[in-house]
Every structure is written in structure tokens, then in C-alpha cells.
Amino acid sequence: MKSLHLLHWSALLLALSASPAAFAVGEARLMRDVEYGRAGDVRLLLDASTPAGNGPFPVAILVHGGGWSGGTKSGTEKRGSGADITPWFSTFTDAGFVWFSIDYRLAPTHRWPAQLEDVQTAIRWVKAHAADFGGDPARVVLVGHSAGGHLALHAAVVADEATRVQAVVGYAPVSDLEFDSEVRGGPSVSLQNLFNLTRELTPETRARLRTVSPIGHVKPGLPPMLILHGDADRTVPIAMTRRFEERMLTAGNICDVVVLPRAPHGLLAWDKIVPDYRSQLTAWLRTRFSAPVAR
């Protein structure tokens, strides 16, 4: 992997303090477009939010979905899109977390493993700078939805000491790319763009998809994981999560699954259909991080 250049923190803080990118939102302080690294000539940016009160706070790294080719750290420009992650911001602020929502390089302009490399770079940067935002680098949860869930789970199962986190939360994560392709009758357009594949599910394609699937790297000693998944999800079948859960439990890991009755893939509908799902998430986080009860 190419070396990624980090900004000198004191210079960054000075710049942000005088910039419209730094402003208060409610009781939280939000900083937009913080550079966490570079990949060639691509600036890798994140938004950072610190809750009111005295830290150090637990930390959440948020990885948006969008089929590895869309979505943004700020949510999405298309309201109602399945890639909209805006419900996360109030969820993790209210739970007393410093959160960092990241952008990463997208397919097909950038093929795999660019996306994973960017998530790993973000983890290293956050662990190095969390304290500057009032966060505790020893209490980090990695959060991802859909394709972002794939990146979060995969980063966790292949982590080394520098990228290890203490917990993972997947919202309808893609955990088995081979299974996904079998269900669809071949690799999806998103997977074709990500890996430069054809629609045919050849033995070679199957082997490649297995190597980049979190389920294929499950082993003992992984961080606790929580997966929230709607049973009406037509984009990522809940059967995929059940397969991943079984693999995790067989290896002796913690993998808790919250099934959301009638919930689809997109997060914006979840509050209306399962109003208490956020409280279930907060309760799980509290057991892992001693996070305060949501305000």
C-alpha cells in the first residue's frame, strides 16, 4: 500500500478553528472535511463530531454504504436512498460517542482494495487523533451499512494491531460476496465495478469473492459484533447475516443479531417500523463501552 500523508495536527486545529467547516450543531461540535490521509492525489476526508460534556468519550468510525460506488460521509444527496446514513449522527451523539464519518475512494474509478485501504487508514488516523477530539482511542467501534458494512466487517476480521478495534456494528452488512452472487445469479453490477468482473460466476470468480468476504476470514479472538438487519431486506438477504452469525459463534466470538421485523434495506424507514431499534443499539454499546444512556 502506498504511504498516506497525515496533516500535522496543530496546523489542522488552527485552520479549523478559523474555518466555517468547524461549527456547533446542537450540543455537539462538528468539524467537516478533515483530511485523514492521501492516496496518490486523492484527499481522504472525514467529518468529526464531539458530544457535549467531559470525555474521554468512546469513539465510532462510520462507513457509509452505496454499493462501493456511491454514498457520502454526510449522508446522501438523494433523500430516501438506501445509502442515507443520516440517522447515525444523532444516534451516536446521543449515545455519548465521538464519531468520525469517512469518505473513501469509490469504484469503478478506484478498484478493490482501495476502499479497504482507506478504511484501514482512517482507523489508524482516528486512533492517533481521537484524544484531540475528546475521544478514547482504546474504545473504538467500527460501524458500516451495506457495502460499508462489508468494509467494516472485513477490516475487523483482517486487522493487525494498528487497525484493531474493540467492537463492530453492521447495519445489513454484505458479509459473503459469493453467497450474494449466487442469490443474484452472478456478480452484481456493483461487484463487477469493484473487482472488474463479468456477470459469469466462474470458479475463478468464486475463489476471488471468497477471499474478499468477511465470512471467509472469521477466526477466534475477533471483537464483539452486533448486526441489525431487517427481515424485509430485498437488497442484502438476512440469510447472509445468519450464515455469518453461525460462523462467528462457531469460532467462539460474540455476534449478536437484532432482527428488525418488516424493515427494508434503507435506514430511513427503520424508525417508523421499529421505533425502539436505536435503544437496542445503545444498550448494546453501553455494555461494551460503558456509554451513557441516550439523552
Protein backbone atom coordinates (compact mmCIF):
# COMPACT_ATOMS: atom_id res chain seq x y z
CA MET A 1 0.00 0.00 0.00
CA LYS A 2 1.24 3.48 -0.82
CA SER A 3 2.19 5.62 2.14
CA LEU A 4 -0.50 8.10 3.15
CA HIS A 5 0.39 11.56 4.37
CA LEU A 6 -1.15 12.88 7.60
CA LEU A 7 -1.67 16.54 8.36
CA HIS A 8 0.23 17.98 11.29
CA TRP A 9 -2.47 18.21 13.95
CA SER A 10 -1.64 21.59 15.42
CA ALA A 11 -1.82 23.20 11.99
CA LEU A 12 -5.10 21.41 11.29
CA LEU A 13 -6.69 22.54 14.54
CA LEU A 14 -5.65 26.14 13.93
CA ALA A 15 -7.08 26.06 10.42
CA LEU A 16 -10.37 24.53 11.52
CA SER A 17 -10.87 26.94 14.40
CA ALA A 18 -10.94 29.81 11.90
CA SER A 19 -12.92 27.95 9.25
CA PRO A 20 -16.67 27.68 8.56
CA ALA A 21 -16.04 23.92 8.44
CA ALA A 22 -15.98 23.94 12.26
CA PHE A 23 -19.29 24.78 13.93
CA ALA A 24 -21.66 23.69 16.67
CA VAL A 25 -24.69 21.51 15.94
CA GLY A 26 -26.98 21.45 18.95
CA GLU A 27 -24.77 20.43 21.82
CA ALA A 28 -22.23 18.68 19.62
CA ARG A 29 -19.28 20.29 17.86
CA LEU A 30 -18.93 19.24 14.23
CA MET A 31 -15.86 19.60 12.03
CA ARG A 32 -16.29 18.89 8.33
CA ASP A 33 -13.78 17.85 5.68
CA VAL A 34 -10.88 16.94 7.93
CA GLU A 35 -8.15 15.28 5.88
CA TYR A 36 -7.20 11.91 7.35
CA GLY A 37 -4.80 10.88 4.60
CA ARG A 38 -3.99 10.89 0.90
CA ALA A 39 -3.95 8.15 -1.69
CA GLY A 40 -1.93 9.48 -4.60
CA ASP A 41 -3.58 12.78 -5.46
CA VAL A 42 -6.87 11.91 -3.72
CA ARG A 43 -7.55 13.68 -0.42
CA LEU A 44 -9.31 11.39 2.05
CA LEU A 45 -11.79 13.35 4.15
CA LEU A 46 -13.94 12.79 7.22
CA ASP A 47 -16.43 14.69 9.36
CA ALA A 48 -15.88 14.61 13.13
CA SER A 49 -18.39 15.26 15.91
CA THR A 50 -17.72 15.61 19.63
CA PRO A 51 -20.66 15.50 22.09
CA ALA A 52 -21.13 17.96 24.91
CA GLY A 53 -19.65 17.05 28.26
CA ASN A 54 -16.38 15.80 29.60
CA GLY A 55 -14.52 13.00 27.86
CA PRO A 56 -12.83 10.88 27.10
CA PHE A 57 -15.74 9.50 25.09
CA PRO A 58 -15.92 6.18 23.24
CA VAL A 59 -15.36 6.53 19.50
CA ALA A 60 -17.36 5.43 16.45
CA ILE A 61 -15.97 5.31 12.92
CA LEU A 62 -18.87 5.45 10.44
CA VAL A 63 -18.55 3.84 6.99
CA HIS A 64 -21.35 4.67 4.55
CA GLY A 65 -22.83 2.25 2.06
CA GLY A 66 -23.70 2.78 -1.60
CA GLY A 67 -22.54 -0.34 -3.43
CA TRP A 68 -18.85 0.63 -3.11
CA SER A 69 -19.54 3.21 -5.84
CA GLY A 70 -21.77 5.81 -4.16
CA GLY A 71 -22.77 7.39 -0.88
CA THR A 72 -21.03 10.08 1.13
CA LYS A 73 -19.84 10.76 4.66
CA SER A 74 -22.55 13.39 5.13
CA GLY A 75 -25.40 11.03 4.24
CA THR A 76 -26.59 11.21 0.67
CA GLU A 77 -27.79 13.81 -1.82
CA LYS A 78 -30.74 11.59 -2.71
CA ARG A 79 -33.09 11.67 0.24
CA GLY A 80 -34.66 8.27 0.69
CA SER A 81 -31.74 6.47 -0.91
CA GLY A 82 -30.64 3.21 0.67
CA ALA A 83 -27.23 4.83 1.19
CA ASP A 84 -28.54 7.53 3.54
CA ILE A 85 -26.76 7.25 6.90
CA THR A 86 -28.03 10.47 8.49
CA PRO A 87 -29.81 8.57 11.32
CA TRP A 88 -26.39 7.57 12.63
CA PHE A 89 -25.35 11.09 13.54
CA SER A 90 -27.95 11.72 16.25
CA THR A 91 -27.77 8.07 17.35
CA PHE A 92 -24.09 8.15 18.20
CA THR A 93 -24.11 11.72 19.50
CA ASP A 94 -26.98 10.91 21.86
CA ALA A 95 -25.17 7.74 22.96
CA GLY A 96 -22.20 9.87 24.03
CA PHE A 97 -19.76 8.96 21.27
CA VAL A 98 -17.22 10.99 19.37
CA TRP A 99 -17.91 9.94 15.79
CA PHE A 100 -15.93 10.18 12.59
CA SER A 101 -17.84 9.71 9.32
CA ILE A 102 -15.47 8.92 6.48
CA ASP A 103 -15.39 9.19 2.72
CA TYR A 104 -13.37 6.60 0.81
CA ARG A 105 -12.41 6.04 -2.80
CA LEU A 106 -15.22 4.69 -4.94
CA ALA A 107 -15.49 2.16 -7.78
CA PRO A 108 -15.18 1.91 -10.72
CA THR A 109 -12.64 4.74 -10.75
CA HIS A 110 -10.88 3.03 -7.87
CA ARG A 111 -10.94 -0.77 -7.74
CA TRP A 112 -10.54 -3.02 -4.74
CA PRO A 113 -8.65 -2.90 -2.37
CA ALA A 114 -8.67 0.93 -2.41
CA GLN A 115 -11.84 1.03 -0.30
CA LEU A 116 -10.46 -1.31 2.38
CA GLU A 117 -7.14 0.53 2.43
CA ASP A 118 -8.94 3.82 3.08
CA VAL A 119 -10.93 2.36 5.95
CA GLN A 120 -7.73 0.99 7.45
CA THR A 121 -6.05 4.37 7.02
CA ALA A 122 -9.00 6.02 8.77
CA ILE A 123 -8.76 3.61 11.70
CA ARG A 124 -5.07 4.36 12.17
CA TRP A 125 -5.68 8.12 11.91
CA VAL A 126 -8.59 8.05 14.35
CA LYS A 127 -6.63 6.04 16.91
CA ALA A 128 -3.77 8.54 16.62
CA HIS A 129 -6.01 11.65 16.88
CA ALA A 130 -9.11 10.58 18.84
CA ALA A 131 -7.88 12.27 22.01
CA ASP A 132 -7.72 15.61 20.18
CA PHE A 133 -11.49 15.37 19.74
CA GLY A 134 -12.15 14.16 23.30
CA GLY A 135 -12.25 10.51 22.26
CA ASP A 136 -10.69 7.41 23.81
CA PRO A 137 -8.54 5.54 21.24
CA ALA A 138 -8.82 2.37 23.33
CA ARG A 139 -12.62 2.25 22.87
CA VAL A 140 -13.41 2.26 19.16
CA VAL A 141 -16.41 0.76 17.38
CA LEU A 142 -16.40 0.40 13.60
CA VAL A 143 -19.85 0.93 12.04
CA GLY A 144 -20.94 0.21 8.48
CA HIS A 145 -24.11 -0.13 6.41
CA SER A 146 -24.50 -2.48 3.43
CA ALA A 147 -21.30 -2.16 1.35
CA GLY A 148 -19.91 -0.07 4.19
CA GLY A 149 -20.82 -2.96 6.47
CA HIS A 150 -18.75 -5.22 4.27
CA LEU A 151 -15.79 -2.84 4.67
CA ALA A 152 -16.26 -2.58 8.43
CA LEU A 153 -16.53 -6.33 8.96
CA HIS A 154 -13.67 -7.07 6.60
CA ALA A 155 -11.37 -4.53 8.22
CA ALA A 156 -12.15 -6.10 11.59
CA VAL A 157 -11.54 -9.71 10.59
CA VAL A 158 -8.20 -9.00 8.87
CA ALA A 159 -6.98 -6.37 11.35
CA ASP A 160 -3.47 -6.12 12.73
CA GLU A 161 -2.52 -4.33 15.94
CA ALA A 162 -2.63 -0.91 14.25
CA THR A 163 -6.16 -1.36 12.89
CA ARG A 164 -7.74 -3.45 15.65
CA VAL A 165 -10.99 -2.07 17.10
CA GLN A 166 -12.96 -3.06 20.18
CA ALA A 167 -16.36 -3.67 18.55
CA VAL A 168 -18.17 -3.67 15.21
CA VAL A 169 -21.76 -2.76 14.33
CA GLY A 170 -23.10 -3.82 10.95
CA TYR A 171 -26.34 -2.47 9.51
CA ALA A 172 -27.44 -5.06 6.93
CA PRO A 173 -23.79 -5.75 6.06
CA VAL A 174 -22.65 -7.66 2.99
CA SER A 175 -20.63 -10.42 4.66
CA ASP A 176 -20.46 -13.09 1.94
CA LEU A 177 -19.90 -11.90 -1.63
CA GLU A 178 -20.02 -15.40 -3.11
CA PHE A 179 -23.40 -16.07 -1.48
CA ASP A 180 -24.64 -12.67 -2.68
CA SER A 181 -23.64 -13.54 -6.23
CA GLU A 182 -25.32 -16.94 -6.03
CA VAL A 183 -28.58 -15.33 -4.93
CA ARG A 184 -28.40 -12.85 -7.82
CA GLY A 185 -27.36 -15.40 -10.45
CA GLY A 186 -23.96 -13.79 -10.85
CA PRO A 187 -21.96 -10.85 -9.53
CA SER A 188 -24.00 -7.66 -9.20
CA VAL A 189 -23.14 -4.57 -11.20
CA SER A 190 -21.60 -3.17 -8.01
CA LEU A 191 -19.28 -6.16 -7.65
CA GLN A 192 -18.44 -6.06 -11.35
CA ASN A 193 -17.38 -2.43 -10.94
CA LEU A 194 -15.49 -3.10 -7.73
CA PHE A 195 -13.44 -6.05 -8.98
CA ASN A 196 -13.63 -5.61 -12.78
CA LEU A 197 -15.61 -8.83 -13.15
CA THR A 198 -18.04 -10.16 -15.73
CA ARG A 199 -21.56 -11.36 -14.93
CA GLU A 200 -20.48 -15.00 -15.16
CA LEU A 201 -19.92 -16.75 -11.82
CA THR A 202 -16.88 -18.81 -12.78
CA PRO A 203 -14.79 -20.92 -10.39
CA GLU A 204 -12.11 -18.24 -10.56
CA THR A 205 -14.65 -15.54 -9.70
CA ARG A 206 -15.98 -17.61 -6.80
CA ALA A 207 -12.47 -18.02 -5.42
CA ARG A 208 -11.81 -14.30 -5.64
CA LEU A 209 -15.08 -13.39 -3.97
CA ARG A 210 -14.34 -15.80 -1.14
CA THR A 211 -11.01 -14.11 -0.42
CA VAL A 212 -12.64 -10.69 -0.05
CA SER A 213 -15.60 -11.84 2.05
CA PRO A 214 -15.54 -11.28 5.83
CA ILE A 215 -17.11 -14.69 6.42
CA GLY A 216 -14.03 -16.37 4.94
CA HIS A 217 -11.69 -14.73 7.46
CA VAL A 218 -13.59 -15.42 10.67
CA LYS A 219 -11.33 -16.82 13.39
CA PRO A 220 -11.25 -16.88 17.18
CA GLY A 221 -10.44 -13.68 19.04
CA LEU A 222 -12.39 -11.19 16.92
CA PRO A 223 -14.05 -8.15 18.53
CA PRO A 224 -17.70 -8.40 19.58
CA MET A 225 -20.09 -7.68 16.75
CA LEU A 226 -23.69 -6.51 16.58
CA ILE A 227 -25.68 -6.85 13.37
CA LEU A 228 -29.01 -5.13 12.79
CA HIS A 229 -30.90 -6.48 9.79
CA GLY A 230 -34.44 -6.11 8.50
CA ASP A 231 -36.26 -9.30 7.58
CA ALA A 232 -37.86 -7.47 4.63
CA ASP A 233 -34.47 -6.50 3.18
CA ARG A 234 -34.53 -7.27 -0.55
CA THR A 235 -31.04 -5.94 -1.22
CA VAL A 236 -28.98 -7.91 1.29
CA PRO A 237 -30.84 -11.07 2.37
CA ILE A 238 -30.96 -11.68 6.11
CA ALA A 239 -29.90 -15.27 5.42
CA MET A 240 -26.42 -13.87 4.76
CA THR A 241 -26.28 -12.43 8.27
CA ARG A 242 -27.43 -15.72 9.76
CA ARG A 243 -24.61 -17.54 7.98
CA PHE A 244 -22.08 -15.02 9.26
CA GLU A 245 -23.50 -15.22 12.78
CA GLU A 246 -23.13 -19.01 12.77
CA ARG A 247 -19.52 -18.78 11.60
CA MET A 248 -18.70 -16.22 14.30
CA LEU A 249 -20.31 -18.23 17.09
CA THR A 250 -18.67 -21.46 15.97
CA ALA A 251 -15.29 -19.70 16.24
CA GLY A 252 -16.12 -18.66 19.81
CA ASN A 253 -16.77 -14.98 19.09
CA ILE A 254 -19.62 -12.72 20.17
CA CYS A 255 -22.06 -11.94 17.36
CA ASP A 256 -25.43 -10.56 18.43
CA VAL A 257 -28.13 -10.17 15.79
CA VAL A 258 -31.14 -7.89 16.09
CA VAL A 259 -33.80 -8.79 13.53
CA LEU A 260 -36.00 -5.83 12.60
CA PRO A 261 -39.47 -7.06 11.62
CA ARG A 262 -40.70 -5.71 8.27
CA ALA A 263 -37.71 -3.38 7.92
CA PRO A 264 -36.25 -2.86 4.42
CA HIS A 265 -32.63 -2.16 3.48
CA GLY A 266 -32.64 1.64 3.77
CA LEU A 267 -32.15 3.11 7.23
CA LEU A 268 -34.61 5.99 6.88
CA ALA A 269 -37.60 3.66 7.26
CA TRP A 270 -36.35 1.89 10.37
CA ASP A 271 -37.55 4.44 12.94
CA LYS A 272 -41.13 4.22 11.66
CA ILE A 273 -41.18 0.44 11.50
CA VAL A 274 -39.11 -0.49 14.58
CA PRO A 275 -39.13 2.61 16.84
CA ASP A 276 -37.00 1.03 19.58
CA TYR A 277 -34.14 -0.25 17.45
CA ARG A 278 -31.89 2.67 18.40
CA SER A 279 -32.40 1.97 22.11
CA GLN A 280 -31.41 -1.67 21.49
CA LEU A 281 -28.24 -0.47 19.78
CA THR A 282 -27.46 1.99 22.58
CA ALA A 283 -27.96 -0.70 25.21
CA TRP A 284 -25.53 -3.00 23.40
CA LEU A 285 -22.96 -0.22 23.08
CA ARG A 286 -23.33 0.57 26.76
CA THR A 287 -22.43 -3.00 27.68
CA ARG A 288 -19.29 -2.79 25.51
CA PHE A 289 -18.12 0.74 26.22
CA SER A 290 -19.91 1.90 29.37
CA ALA A 291 -21.51 4.58 27.23
CA PRO A 292 -24.01 6.88 28.97
CA VAL A 293 -27.71 6.39 28.48
CA ALA A 294 -29.00 8.33 25.48
CA ARG A 295 -30.13 11.83 26.39
